[in-house]
Protein backbone atom coordinates (compact mmCIF):
# COMPACT_ATOMS: atom_id res chain seq x y z
CA UNK A 1 8.55 71.27 92.57
CA UNK A 2 8.68 70.49 88.85
CA UNK A 3 9.67 67.37 86.97
CA UNK A 4 12.22 68.47 84.36
CA UNK A 5 13.84 66.68 81.43
CA UNK A 6 17.42 67.89 80.92
CA UNK A 7 19.37 67.06 77.75
CA UNK A 8 23.06 67.91 77.45
CA UNK A 9 25.36 67.75 80.44
CA UNK A 10 28.46 69.42 79.09
CA UNK A 11 30.41 72.35 80.50
CA UNK A 12 27.28 74.47 81.02
CA UNK A 13 24.61 71.79 81.40
CA UNK A 14 26.20 69.85 84.26
CA UNK A 15 26.26 72.77 86.74
CA UNK A 16 22.84 74.01 85.58
CA UNK A 17 21.34 70.56 86.22
CA UNK A 18 23.03 70.44 89.61
CA UNK A 19 21.49 73.77 90.63
CA UNK A 20 18.03 72.60 89.57
CA UNK A 21 18.40 69.41 91.63
CA UNK A 22 19.65 71.45 94.60
CA UNK A 23 16.55 73.65 94.27
CA UNK A 24 14.34 70.59 94.74
CA UNK A 25 13.30 69.77 91.17
CA UNK A 26 13.19 66.18 89.90
CA UNK A 27 15.54 65.94 86.91
CA UNK A 28 15.50 63.29 84.22
CA UNK A 29 18.95 63.46 82.64
CA UNK A 30 20.24 62.45 79.21
CA UNK A 31 23.58 62.94 77.48
CA UNK A 32 25.52 61.09 74.79
CA UNK A 33 28.16 60.40 77.42
CA UNK A 34 27.33 58.67 80.71
CA UNK A 35 25.44 60.91 83.13
CA UNK A 36 27.85 62.14 85.84
CA UNK A 37 27.55 60.19 89.09
CA UNK A 38 27.52 63.46 91.06
CA UNK A 39 24.11 64.25 89.53
CA UNK A 40 22.58 60.82 90.09
CA UNK A 41 23.98 60.76 93.63
CA UNK A 42 22.10 64.02 94.28
CA UNK A 43 18.84 62.49 93.02
CA UNK A 44 18.91 62.98 89.26
CA UNK A 45 17.46 60.15 87.16
CA UNK A 46 19.70 58.95 84.30
CA UNK A 47 17.73 58.06 81.15
CA UNK A 48 18.88 55.83 78.27
CA UNK A 49 16.94 57.83 75.67
CA UNK A 50 15.10 61.13 75.25
CA UNK A 51 11.92 59.31 74.17
CA UNK A 52 9.16 60.05 76.70
CA UNK A 53 7.60 56.58 76.55
CA UNK A 54 10.72 54.39 76.35
């Protein structure tokens, strides 16, 4: 499956990210608020910045 960067986990982004994780993709997650624990518990990777080399 794909490695995907996902920015924005609001009302639409949170469920979309969850579906991608459920489908087997590796998600790297960023939001201005803390990344929801439900997504990291499912295997999402919380990132402190959107910079690819940070």
